[in-house]
């Protein structure tokens, strides 16, 4: 066998191997191969092993996995004229490999650009408070608008999330003062409501005690028991209301020209004025001074010359 024949066989085998390598294609599970035959789309194949016609057919691989694309920070002016820097993230994937290759030159760049422009457009139509509070609704609106644009490209936008909202420093201070004032207003309202409820409870308690005469005395004894339980030097002198009525009657009898004292109301309530404040203070003060101070005051008193004490006067009268 001569050498030219051997070289010819070797060349033919090499060409067949190269054609087989070019004809056999393997596509992964998350990919699809779009076949172009002489420039015309023949469809998408895969996943797995398949054969194409070398030189005549051309395959373009398309990834079907979800792509996470960051939207660069955008300078946005809201509806209430507040300048913000907002960045977001979008999630999308290819659902139609043929349209993603034929309808758009580069679906990754196109989706990123439409996401940026839509973000600026939508956030310019809302106010700052709405952006901070209703972020979920804004995210849903962004997703619907971007998906409606990318749907003819065979790209499905599954989610758009606003990641961060950068506020100016002056706006942060103003919002902090506003939040502090709001919390102070709430605290004052809660305190006022508590005072009103406490006053209502005290009014109900007073009405209950007024309908039951013995309840006030029991309450007084309970208060004295609570005070006596503590280790202190506080002395409590309960002054019954009847004693004040008696003092009032004595004061009225001591002043001539005044009518008799009207009888006390059996229910314990009376519209008549109480006794003279000076007389009442002297009476209560005398009770508070105690027997020892009264005894000392009697010892310190000097008997004036020519006067007699009660015992000596009685002896003289008897004689």
C-alpha atoms as a PDB file:
ATOM      1  CA  UNK A   1       0.000   0.000   0.000  1.00  0.00           C
ATOM      2  CA  UNK A   2       1.566   3.289  -1.085  1.00  0.00           C
ATOM      3  CA  UNK A   3       1.860   6.413   1.046  1.00  0.00           C
ATOM      4  CA  UNK A   4      -0.606   8.650  -0.863  1.00  0.00           C
ATOM      5  CA  UNK A   5      -3.383   6.129  -0.219  1.00  0.00           C
ATOM      6  CA  UNK A   6      -2.582   6.034   3.484  1.00  0.00           C
ATOM      7  CA  UNK A   7      -2.660   9.814   3.681  1.00  0.00           C
ATOM      8  CA  UNK A   8      -6.007   9.850   1.881  1.00  0.00           C
ATOM      9  CA  UNK A   9      -7.559   7.342   4.268  1.00  0.00           C
ATOM     10  CA  UNK A  10      -6.250   9.207   7.276  1.00  0.00           C
ATOM     11  CA  UNK A  11      -7.620  12.464   5.954  1.00  0.00           C
ATOM     12  CA  UNK A  12     -11.035  10.938   5.295  1.00  0.00           C
ATOM     13  CA  UNK A  13     -11.182   9.475   8.773  1.00  0.00           C
ATOM     14  CA  UNK A  14     -10.231  12.849  10.238  1.00  0.00           C
ATOM     15  CA  UNK A  15     -12.951  14.599   8.276  1.00  0.00           C
ATOM     16  CA  UNK A  16     -15.552  12.057   9.403  1.00  0.00           C
ATOM     17  CA  UNK A  17     -14.509  12.508  13.026  1.00  0.00           C
ATOM     18  CA  UNK A  18     -14.741  16.280  12.724  1.00  0.00           C
ATOM     19  CA  UNK A  19     -18.160  16.013  11.110  1.00  0.00           C
ATOM     20  CA  UNK A  20     -19.366  13.726  13.869  1.00  0.00           C
ATOM     21  CA  UNK A  21     -18.088  16.110  16.518  1.00  0.00           C
ATOM     22  CA  UNK A  22     -19.854  18.999  14.807  1.00  0.00           C
ATOM     23  CA  UNK A  23     -23.056  17.007  14.314  1.00  0.00           C
ATOM     24  CA  UNK A  24     -23.451  15.551  17.804  1.00  0.00           C
ATOM     25  CA  UNK A  25     -24.649  18.057  20.388  1.00  0.00           C
ATOM     26  CA  UNK A  26     -25.330  17.608  24.100  1.00  0.00           C
ATOM     27  CA  UNK A  27     -27.506  20.082  25.975  1.00  0.00           C
ATOM     28  CA  UNK A  28     -27.939  20.188  29.768  1.00  0.00           C
ATOM     29  CA  UNK A  29     -31.255  19.897  31.553  1.00  0.00           C
ATOM     30  CA  UNK A  30     -31.447  23.649  32.249  1.00  0.00           C
ATOM     31  CA  UNK A  31     -30.582  24.579  28.639  1.00  0.00           C
ATOM     32  CA  UNK A  32     -32.189  24.441  25.226  1.00  0.00           C
ATOM     33  CA  UNK A  33     -30.628  24.550  21.768  1.00  0.00           C
ATOM     34  CA  UNK A  34     -32.240  26.780  19.136  1.00  0.00           C
ATOM     35  CA  UNK A  35     -31.472  25.356  15.678  1.00  0.00           C
ATOM     36  CA  UNK A  36     -30.951  27.606  12.643  1.00  0.00           C
ATOM     37  CA  UNK A  37     -30.785  25.832   9.261  1.00  0.00           C
ATOM     38  CA  UNK A  38     -29.455  28.047   6.535  1.00  0.00           C
ATOM     39  CA  UNK A  39     -30.572  31.035   8.604  1.00  0.00           C
ATOM     40  CA  UNK A  40     -34.102  29.863   9.292  1.00  0.00           C
ATOM     41  CA  UNK A  41     -35.331  28.840  12.733  1.00  0.00           C
ATOM     42  CA  UNK A  42     -36.068  25.140  12.968  1.00  0.00           C
ATOM     43  CA  UNK A  43     -37.068  25.122  16.646  1.00  0.00           C
ATOM     44  CA  UNK A  44     -35.502  24.322  19.982  1.00  0.00           C
ATOM     45  CA  UNK A  45     -34.048  20.927  20.929  1.00  0.00           C
ATOM     46  CA  UNK A  46     -32.943  19.378  24.159  1.00  0.00           C
ATOM     47  CA  UNK A  47     -32.145  18.487  26.754  1.00  0.00           C
ATOM     48  CA  UNK A  48     -29.877  15.532  26.105  1.00  0.00           C
ATOM     49  CA  UNK A  49     -28.130  14.243  22.953  1.00  0.00           C
ATOM     50  CA  UNK A  50     -29.224  15.105  19.425  1.00  0.00           C
ATOM     51  CA  UNK A  51     -27.662  15.434  15.966  1.00  0.00           C
ATOM     52  CA  UNK A  52     -27.578  18.393  13.599  1.00  0.00           C
ATOM     53  CA  UNK A  53     -26.312  18.769  10.066  1.00  0.00           C
ATOM     54  CA  UNK A  54     -22.801  20.149  10.153  1.00  0.00           C
ATOM     55  CA  UNK A  55     -22.136  23.378   8.260  1.00  0.00           C
ATOM     56  CA  UNK A  56     -25.836  23.658   7.381  1.00  0.00           C
ATOM     57  CA  UNK A  57     -27.238  23.887  10.904  1.00  0.00           C
ATOM     58  CA  UNK A  58     -26.224  26.287  13.652  1.00  0.00           C
ATOM     59  CA  UNK A  59     -27.177  25.898  17.317  1.00  0.00           C
ATOM     60  CA  UNK A  60     -27.574  28.688  19.904  1.00  0.00           C
ATOM     61  CA  UNK A  61     -27.778  27.620  23.559  1.00  0.00           C
ATOM     62  CA  UNK A  62     -30.264  29.372  25.805  1.00  0.00           C
ATOM     63  CA  UNK A  63     -30.179  29.120  29.605  1.00  0.00           C
ATOM     64  CA  UNK A  64     -33.558  28.573  31.256  1.00  0.00           C
ATOM     65  CA  UNK A  65     -32.414  29.200  34.839  1.00  0.00           C
ATOM     66  CA  UNK A  66     -33.732  32.150  36.848  1.00  0.00           C
ATOM     67  CA  UNK A  67     -31.443  35.154  36.528  1.00  0.00           C
ATOM     68  CA  UNK A  68     -30.928  37.562  39.430  1.00  0.00           C
ATOM     69  CA  UNK A  69     -30.103  41.023  38.145  1.00  0.00           C
ATOM     70  CA  UNK A  70     -29.329  44.017  40.355  1.00  0.00           C
ATOM     71  CA  UNK A  71     -30.801  47.322  39.262  1.00  0.00           C
ATOM     72  CA  UNK A  72     -28.167  50.032  39.834  1.00  0.00           C
ATOM     73  CA  UNK A  73     -29.046  52.893  42.200  1.00  0.00           C
ATOM     74  CA  UNK A  74     -31.369  55.347  40.506  1.00  0.00           C
ATOM     75  CA  UNK A  75     -31.890  59.018  41.384  1.00  0.00           C
ATOM     76  CA  UNK A  76     -35.645  59.411  41.725  1.00  0.00           C
ATOM     77  CA  UNK A  77     -37.807  62.461  42.464  1.00  0.00           C
ATOM     78  CA  UNK A  78     -41.035  61.404  44.129  1.00  0.00           C
ATOM     79  CA  UNK A  79     -44.442  62.970  43.655  1.00  0.00           C
ATOM     80  CA  UNK A  80     -43.930  65.241  46.691  1.00  0.00           C
ATOM     81  CA  UNK A  81     -40.557  66.489  45.302  1.00  0.00           C
ATOM     82  CA  UNK A  82     -38.233  64.436  47.498  1.00  0.00           C
ATOM     83  CA  UNK A  83     -34.956  63.303  45.921  1.00  0.00           C
ATOM     84  CA  UNK A  84     -34.064  59.678  46.632  1.00  0.00           C
ATOM     85  CA  UNK A  85     -31.569  57.036  45.586  1.00  0.00           C
ATOM     86  CA  UNK A  86     -33.298  53.709  45.116  1.00  0.00           C
ATOM     87  CA  UNK A  87     -31.861  50.375  44.077  1.00  0.00           C
ATOM     88  CA  UNK A  88     -33.750  47.171  43.421  1.00  0.00           C
ATOM     89  CA  UNK A  89     -33.356  43.575  42.269  1.00  0.00           C
ATOM     90  CA  UNK A  90     -35.298  41.670  39.620  1.00  0.00           C
ATOM     91  CA  UNK A  91     -35.743  37.934  39.030  1.00  0.00           C
ATOM     92  CA  UNK A  92     -36.569  36.606  35.562  1.00  0.00           C
ATOM     93  CA  UNK A  93     -36.127  33.505  33.395  1.00  0.00           C
ATOM     94  CA  UNK A  94     -36.610  32.449  29.786  1.00  0.00           C
ATOM     95  CA  UNK A  95     -39.843  30.612  29.051  1.00  0.00           C
ATOM     96  CA  UNK A  96     -39.609  30.614  25.227  1.00  0.00           C
ATOM     97  CA  UNK A  97     -36.057  29.964  23.947  1.00  0.00           C
ATOM     98  CA  UNK A  98     -36.898  30.731  20.311  1.00  0.00           C
ATOM     99  CA  UNK A  99     -38.375  34.161  21.002  1.00  0.00           C
ATOM    100  CA  UNK A 100     -35.586  35.052  23.430  1.00  0.00           C
ATOM    101  CA  UNK A 101     -33.108  34.540  20.562  1.00  0.00           C
ATOM    102  CA  UNK A 102     -35.139  35.879  17.642  1.00  0.00           C
ATOM    103  CA  UNK A 103     -37.150  38.746  19.184  1.00  0.00           C
ATOM    104  CA  UNK A 104     -34.345  40.509  21.084  1.00  0.00           C
ATOM    105  CA  UNK A 105     -30.616  40.768  20.553  1.00  0.00           C
ATOM    106  CA  UNK A 106     -29.619  40.324  24.208  1.00  0.00           C
ATOM    107  CA  UNK A 107     -32.471  39.628  26.582  1.00  0.00           C
ATOM    108  CA  UNK A 108     -30.275  40.110  29.693  1.00  0.00           C
ATOM    109  CA  UNK A 109     -29.319  43.694  28.840  1.00  0.00           C
ATOM    110  CA  UNK A 110     -32.793  44.519  27.544  1.00  0.00           C
ATOM    111  CA  UNK A 111     -34.498  43.290  30.722  1.00  0.00           C
ATOM    112  CA  UNK A 112     -32.067  45.210  32.927  1.00  0.00           C
ATOM    113  CA  UNK A 113     -32.619  48.459  31.019  1.00  0.00           C
ATOM    114  CA  UNK A 114     -36.401  48.216  31.031  1.00  0.00           C
ATOM    115  CA  UNK A 115     -36.303  47.497  34.774  1.00  0.00           C
ATOM    116  CA  UNK A 116     -34.295  50.688  35.423  1.00  0.00           C
ATOM    117  CA  UNK A 117     -36.576  52.938  33.401  1.00  0.00           C
ATOM    118  CA  UNK A 118     -39.717  51.422  34.891  1.00  0.00           C
ATOM    119  CA  UNK A 119     -38.353  51.861  38.416  1.00  0.00           C
ATOM    120  CA  UNK A 120     -37.751  55.581  37.871  1.00  0.00           C
ATOM    121  CA  UNK A 121     -41.128  56.035  36.202  1.00  0.00           C
ATOM    122  CA  UNK A 122     -43.225  54.282  38.862  1.00  0.00           C
ATOM    123  CA  UNK A 123     -41.467  55.772  41.889  1.00  0.00           C
ATOM    124  CA  UNK A 124     -41.870  59.238  40.395  1.00  0.00           C
ATOM    125  CA  UNK A 125     -45.645  58.801  40.605  1.00  0.00           C
ATOM    126  CA  UNK A 126     -45.838  57.984  44.324  1.00  0.00           C
ATOM    127  CA  UNK A 127     -45.167  59.991  47.470  1.00  0.00           C
ATOM    128  CA  UNK A 128     -42.448  59.246  49.992  1.00  0.00           C
ATOM    129  CA  UNK A 129     -44.801  57.964  52.680  1.00  0.00           C
ATOM    130  CA  UNK A 130     -46.481  55.626  50.204  1.00  0.00           C
ATOM    131  CA  UNK A 131     -43.093  54.315  49.085  1.00  0.00           C
ATOM    132  CA  UNK A 132     -42.079  53.546  52.657  1.00  0.00           C
ATOM    133  CA  UNK A 133     -45.396  52.031  53.742  1.00  0.00           C
ATOM    134  CA  UNK A 134     -46.885  50.357  50.649  1.00  0.00           C
ATOM    135  CA  UNK A 135     -43.703  48.810  49.293  1.00  0.00           C
ATOM    136  CA  UNK A 136     -45.372  45.474  48.509  1.00  0.00           C
ATOM    137  CA  UNK A 137     -47.923  47.130  46.248  1.00  0.00           C
ATOM    138  CA  UNK A 138     -45.189  49.070  44.451  1.00  0.00           C
ATOM    139  CA  UNK A 139     -43.189  45.866  43.940  1.00  0.00           C
ATOM    140  CA  UNK A 140     -46.232  44.132  42.447  1.00  0.00           C
ATOM    141  CA  UNK A 141     -46.860  47.075  40.130  1.00  0.00           C
ATOM    142  CA  UNK A 142     -43.240  47.059  38.964  1.00  0.00           C
ATOM    143  CA  UNK A 143     -43.358  43.316  38.301  1.00  0.00           C
ATOM    144  CA  UNK A 144     -46.543  43.558  36.241  1.00  0.00           C
ATOM    145  CA  UNK A 145     -45.278  46.427  34.085  1.00  0.00           C
ATOM    146  CA  UNK A 146     -41.838  44.916  33.402  1.00  0.00           C
ATOM    147  CA  UNK A 147     -43.335  41.490  32.701  1.00  0.00           C
ATOM    148  CA  UNK A 148     -45.783  42.960  30.189  1.00  0.00           C
ATOM    149  CA  UNK A 149     -42.839  44.459  28.274  1.00  0.00           C
ATOM    150  CA  UNK A 150     -40.576  41.371  28.371  1.00  0.00           C
ATOM    151  CA  UNK A 151     -43.331  38.853  27.615  1.00  0.00           C
ATOM    152  CA  UNK A 152     -42.961  39.216  23.789  1.00  0.00           C
ATOM    153  CA  UNK A 153     -39.278  38.391  24.225  1.00  0.00           C
ATOM    154  CA  UNK A 154     -40.071  35.038  25.853  1.00  0.00           C
ATOM    155  CA  UNK A 155     -38.824  36.293  29.236  1.00  0.00           C
ATOM    156  CA  UNK A 156     -40.909  35.939  32.394  1.00  0.00           C
ATOM    157  CA  UNK A 157     -40.262  38.446  35.229  1.00  0.00           C
ATOM    158  CA  UNK A 158     -41.231  36.650  38.433  1.00  0.00           C
ATOM    159  CA  UNK A 159     -40.311  39.214  41.080  1.00  0.00           C
ATOM    160  CA  UNK A 160     -39.107  42.798  41.521  1.00  0.00           C
ATOM    161  CA  UNK A 161     -38.041  44.024  44.962  1.00  0.00           C
ATOM    162  CA  UNK A 162     -37.010  47.507  46.065  1.00  0.00           C
ATOM    163  CA  UNK A 163     -33.912  46.824  48.141  1.00  0.00           C
ATOM    164  CA  UNK A 164     -32.901  50.135  49.676  1.00  0.00           C
ATOM    165  CA  UNK A 165     -34.174  53.700  49.816  1.00  0.00           C
ATOM    166  CA  UNK A 166     -31.469  56.254  50.618  1.00  0.00           C
ATOM    167  CA  UNK A 167     -32.928  59.418  52.136  1.00  0.00           C
ATOM    168  CA  UNK A 168     -31.102  62.753  52.475  1.00  0.00           C
ATOM    169  CA  UNK A 169     -29.757  63.538  55.938  1.00  0.00           C
ATOM    170  CA  UNK A 170     -32.120  66.483  56.453  1.00  0.00           C
ATOM    171  CA  UNK A 171     -35.090  64.321  55.513  1.00  0.00           C
ATOM    172  CA  UNK A 172     -34.005  61.678  58.029  1.00  0.00           C
ATOM    173  CA  UNK A 173     -33.863  64.279  60.797  1.00  0.00           C
ATOM    174  CA  UNK A 174     -37.280  65.641  59.870  1.00  0.00           C
ATOM    175  CA  UNK A 175     -38.782  62.158  59.870  1.00  0.00           C
ATOM    176  CA  UNK A 176     -37.179  61.452  63.245  1.00  0.00           C
ATOM    177  CA  UNK A 177     -38.713  64.591  64.739  1.00  0.00           C
ATOM    178  CA  UNK A 178     -42.071  63.711  63.235  1.00  0.00           C
ATOM    179  CA  UNK A 179     -41.965  60.200  64.701  1.00  0.00           C
ATOM    180  CA  UNK A 180     -40.973  61.580  68.114  1.00  0.00           C
ATOM    181  CA  UNK A 181     -43.846  64.084  68.080  1.00  0.00           C
ATOM    182  CA  UNK A 182     -46.291  61.358  67.059  1.00  0.00           C
ATOM    183  CA  UNK A 183     -45.165  59.084  69.898  1.00  0.00           C
ATOM    184  CA  UNK A 184     -45.451  61.960  72.388  1.00  0.00           C
ATOM    185  CA  UNK A 185     -48.978  62.693  71.154  1.00  0.00           C
ATOM    186  CA  UNK A 186     -49.955  59.063  71.606  1.00  0.00           C
ATOM    187  CA  UNK A 187     -48.509  58.985  75.135  1.00  0.00           C
ATOM    188  CA  UNK A 188     -50.489  62.087  76.109  1.00  0.00           C
ATOM    189  CA  UNK A 189     -53.689  60.656  74.676  1.00  0.00           C
ATOM    190  CA  UNK A 190     -53.188  57.372  76.527  1.00  0.00           C
ATOM    191  CA  UNK A 191     -52.441  59.244  79.766  1.00  0.00           C
ATOM    192  CA  UNK A 192     -55.598  61.356  79.372  1.00  0.00           C
ATOM    193  CA  UNK A 193     -57.681  58.254  78.723  1.00  0.00           C
ATOM    194  CA  UNK A 194     -56.253  56.653  81.853  1.00  0.00           C
ATOM    195  CA  UNK A 195     -57.108  59.730  83.911  1.00  0.00           C
ATOM    196  CA  UNK A 196     -60.660  59.714  82.566  1.00  0.00           C
ATOM    197  CA  UNK A 197     -61.136  56.026  83.362  1.00  0.00           C
ATOM    198  CA  UNK A 198     -59.687  56.529  86.849  1.00  0.00           C
ATOM    199  CA  UNK A 199     -62.026  59.468  87.490  1.00  0.00           C
ATOM    200  CA  UNK A 200     -64.991  57.407  86.308  1.00  0.00           C
ATOM    201  CA  UNK A 201     -63.977  54.540  88.613  1.00  0.00           C
ATOM    202  CA  UNK A 202     -63.635  56.920  91.570  1.00  0.00           C
ATOM    203  CA  UNK A 203     -67.043  58.393  90.812  1.00  0.00           C
ATOM    204  CA  UNK A 204     -68.619  54.934  90.741  1.00  0.00           C
ATOM    205  CA  UNK A 205     -66.893  54.031  94.006  1.00  0.00           C
ATOM    206  CA  UNK A 206     -68.124  57.225  95.674  1.00  0.00           C
ATOM    207  CA  UNK A 207     -71.677  56.525  94.516  1.00  0.00           C
ATOM    208  CA  UNK A 208     -71.494  52.985  95.913  1.00  0.00           C
ATOM    209  CA  UNK A 209     -70.156  54.199  99.264  1.00  0.00           C
ATOM    210  CA  UNK A 210     -72.847  56.878  99.437  1.00  0.00           C
ATOM    211  CA  UNK A 211     -75.657  54.316  99.120  1.00  0.00           C
ATOM    212  CA  UNK A 212     -74.235  52.146 101.943  1.00  0.00           C
ATOM    213  CA  UNK A 213     -73.661  54.020 105.248  1.00  0.00           C
ATOM    214  CA  UNK A 214     -71.452  51.329 106.809  1.00  0.00           C
ATOM    215  CA  UNK A 215     -69.179  51.020 103.813  1.00  0.00           C
ATOM    216  CA  UNK A 216     -67.386  54.285 104.593  1.00  0.00           C
ATOM    217  CA  UNK A 217     -66.583  53.121 108.115  1.00  0.00           C
ATOM    218  CA  UNK A 218     -65.271  49.801 106.799  1.00  0.00           C
ATOM    219  CA  UNK A 219     -63.146  51.638 104.275  1.00  0.00           C
ATOM    220  CA  UNK A 220     -61.761  53.850 107.038  1.00  0.00           C
ATOM    221  CA  UNK A 221     -60.851  50.822 109.143  1.00  0.00           C
ATOM    222  CA  UNK A 222     -59.179  49.193 106.139  1.00  0.00           C
ATOM    223  CA  UNK A 223     -57.112  52.310 105.489  1.00  0.00           C
ATOM    224  CA  UNK A 224     -56.053  52.447 109.159  1.00  0.00           C
ATOM    225  CA  UNK A 225     -55.041  48.797 108.988  1.00  0.00           C
ATOM    226  CA  UNK A 226     -52.896  49.473 105.909  1.00  0.00           C
ATOM    227  CA  UNK A 227     -51.190  52.435 107.570  1.00  0.00           C
ATOM    228  CA  UNK A 228     -50.582  50.541 110.827  1.00  0.00           C
ATOM    229  CA  UNK A 229     -49.014  47.604 108.965  1.00  0.00           C
ATOM    230  CA  UNK A 230     -46.028  49.715 107.981  1.00  0.00           C
ATOM    231  CA  UNK A 231     -43.222  50.606 110.378  1.00  0.00           C
ATOM    232  CA  UNK A 232     -43.721  54.318 110.766  1.00  0.00           C
ATOM    233  CA  UNK A 233     -44.602  56.883 113.391  1.00  0.00           C
ATOM    234  CA  UNK A 234     -47.724  58.184 111.700  1.00  0.00           C
ATOM    235  CA  UNK A 235     -50.703  58.666 114.020  1.00  0.00           C
ATOM    236  CA  UNK A 236     -54.168  58.566 112.513  1.00  0.00           C
ATOM    237  CA  UNK A 237     -57.093  60.194 114.335  1.00  0.00           C
ATOM    238  CA  UNK A 238     -60.364  59.337 112.635  1.00  0.00           C
ATOM    239  CA  UNK A 239     -62.880  62.132 113.067  1.00  0.00           C
ATOM    240  CA  UNK A 240     -66.450  60.918 112.578  1.00  0.00           C
ATOM    241  CA  UNK A 241     -68.819  63.041 110.586  1.00  0.00           C
ATOM    242  CA  UNK A 242     -71.222  63.077 113.574  1.00  0.00           C
ATOM    243  CA  UNK A 243     -68.625  64.936 115.578  1.00  0.00           C
ATOM    244  CA  UNK A 244     -68.459  67.626 112.936  1.00  0.00           C
ATOM    245  CA  UNK A 245     -72.248  67.879 113.003  1.00  0.00           C
ATOM    246  CA  UNK A 246     -72.155  68.245 116.774  1.00  0.00           C
ATOM    247  CA  UNK A 247     -69.515  70.976 116.532  1.00  0.00           C
ATOM    248  CA  UNK A 248     -71.656  72.737 113.965  1.00  0.00           C
ATOM    249  CA  UNK A 249     -74.645  72.644 116.320  1.00  0.00           C
ATOM    250  CA  UNK A 250     -72.570  73.985 119.216  1.00  0.00           C
ATOM    251  CA  UNK A 251     -71.253  76.827 117.077  1.00  0.00           C
ATOM    252  CA  UNK A 252     -74.780  77.749 115.982  1.00  0.00           C
ATOM    253  CA  UNK A 253     -76.046  77.693 119.584  1.00  0.00           C
ATOM    254  CA  UNK A 254     -73.168  79.939 120.717  1.00  0.00           C
ATOM    255  CA  UNK A 255     -74.161  82.637 118.230  1.00  0.00           C
ATOM    256  CA  UNK A 256     -77.326  84.422 119.458  1.00  0.00           C
ATOM    257  CA  UNK A 257     -79.999  85.517 117.060  1.00  0.00           C
ATOM    258  CA  UNK A 258     -79.769  82.518 114.777  1.00  0.00           C
ATOM    259  CA  UNK A 259     -82.463  79.965 114.344  1.00  0.00           C
ATOM    260  CA  UNK A 260     -82.249  76.403 115.527  1.00  0.00           C
ATOM    261  CA  UNK A 261     -80.004  73.999 113.737  1.00  0.00           C
ATOM    262  CA  UNK A 262     -81.971  71.940 111.200  1.00  0.00           C
ATOM    263  CA  UNK A 263     -81.936  68.209 111.837  1.00  0.00           C
ATOM    264  CA  UNK A 264     -79.386  66.185 109.985  1.00  0.00           C
ATOM    265  CA  UNK A 265     -80.408  64.218 106.948  1.00  0.00           C
ATOM    266  CA  UNK A 266     -80.760  60.489 107.817  1.00  0.00           C
ATOM    267  CA  UNK A 267     -78.934  59.572 104.632  1.00  0.00           C
ATOM    268  CA  UNK A 268     -75.831  61.315 105.932  1.00  0.00           C
ATOM    269  CA  UNK A 269     -75.812  64.118 103.338  1.00  0.00           C
ATOM    270  CA  UNK A 270     -76.672  67.728 104.134  1.00  0.00           C
ATOM    271  CA  UNK A 271     -76.519  70.956 102.206  1.00  0.00           C
ATOM    272  CA  UNK A 272     -76.055  73.073 105.348  1.00  0.00           C
ATOM    273  CA  UNK A 273     -72.606  74.579 105.851  1.00  0.00           C
ATOM    274  CA  UNK A 274     -70.278  72.935 108.359  1.00  0.00           C
ATOM    275  CA  UNK A 275     -69.015  74.562 111.556  1.00  0.00           C
ATOM    276  CA  UNK A 276     -66.678  77.481 111.715  1.00  0.00           C
ATOM    277  CA  UNK A 277     -63.259  76.441 110.297  1.00  0.00           C
ATOM    278  CA  UNK A 278     -61.467  78.014 113.285  1.00  0.00           C
ATOM    279  CA  UNK A 279     -63.536  76.036 115.778  1.00  0.00           C
ATOM    280  CA  UNK A 280     -63.032  72.821 113.863  1.00  0.00           C
ATOM    281  CA  UNK A 281     -59.288  73.339 113.617  1.00  0.00           C
ATOM    282  CA  UNK A 282     -59.081  73.992 117.399  1.00  0.00           C
ATOM    283  CA  UNK A 283     -61.127  70.860 118.066  1.00  0.00           C
ATOM    284  CA  UNK A 284     -59.031  68.624 115.809  1.00  0.00           C
ATOM    285  CA  UNK A 285     -55.833  70.218 117.101  1.00  0.00           C
ATOM    286  CA  UNK A 286     -56.849  69.468 120.632  1.00  0.00           C
ATOM    287  CA  UNK A 287     -57.405  65.840 119.752  1.00  0.00           C
ATOM    288  CA  UNK A 288     -54.042  65.656 118.017  1.00  0.00           C
ATOM    289  CA  UNK A 289     -52.060  67.206 120.868  1.00  0.00           C
ATOM    290  CA  UNK A 290     -52.733  64.283 123.180  1.00  0.00           C
ATOM    291  CA  UNK A 291     -53.249  64.007 126.924  1.00  0.00           C
ATOM    292  CA  UNK A 292     -49.605  64.530 127.827  1.00  0.00           C
ATOM    293  CA  UNK A 293     -49.318  67.951 126.211  1.00  0.00           C
ATOM    294  CA  UNK A 294     -52.624  69.030 127.784  1.00  0.00           C
ATOM    295  CA  UNK A 295     -51.384  67.883 131.227  1.00  0.00           C
ATOM    296  CA  UNK A 296     -48.133  69.795 130.845  1.00  0.00           C
ATOM    297  CA  UNK A 297     -50.007  72.927 129.807  1.00  0.00           C
ATOM    298  CA  UNK A 298     -52.165  72.683 132.915  1.00  0.00           C
ATOM    299  CA  UNK A 299     -49.111  72.350 135.122  1.00  0.00           C
ATOM    300  CA  UNK A 300     -47.448  75.351 133.528  1.00  0.00           C
ATOM    301  CA  UNK A 301     -50.435  77.594 134.096  1.00  0.00           C
ATOM    302  CA  UNK A 302     -49.958  80.105 136.898  1.00  0.00           C
ATOM    303  CA  UNK A 303     -52.730  80.940 139.320  1.00  0.00           C
ATOM    304  CA  UNK A 304     -53.240  84.662 139.565  1.00  0.00           C
ATOM    305  CA  UNK A 305     -53.244  86.195 143.077  1.00  0.00           C
ATOM    306  CA  UNK A 306     -56.646  86.525 144.601  1.00  0.00           C
ATOM    307  CA  UNK A 307     -58.153  83.740 142.548  1.00  0.00           C
ATOM    308  CA  UNK A 308     -59.145  80.291 143.659  1.00  0.00           C
ATOM    309  CA  UNK A 309     -59.030  76.993 141.948  1.00  0.00           C
ATOM    310  CA  UNK A 310     -62.107  74.828 141.688  1.00  0.00           C
ATOM    311  CA  UNK A 311     -61.379  72.701 144.786  1.00  0.00           C
ATOM    312  CA  UNK A 312     -60.560  75.650 147.056  1.00  0.00           C
ATOM    313  CA  UNK A 313     -63.699  77.494 145.933  1.00  0.00           C
ATOM    314  CA  UNK A 314     -65.829  74.517 146.879  1.00  0.00           C
ATOM    315  CA  UNK A 315     -64.238  74.287 150.354  1.00  0.00           C
ATOM    316  CA  UNK A 316     -64.865  77.965 151.008  1.00  0.00           C
ATOM    317  CA  UNK A 317     -68.471  77.667 149.981  1.00  0.00           C
ATOM    318  CA  UNK A 318     -68.980  74.753 152.350  1.00  0.00           C
ATOM    319  CA  UNK A 319     -67.484  76.647 155.234  1.00  0.00           C
END
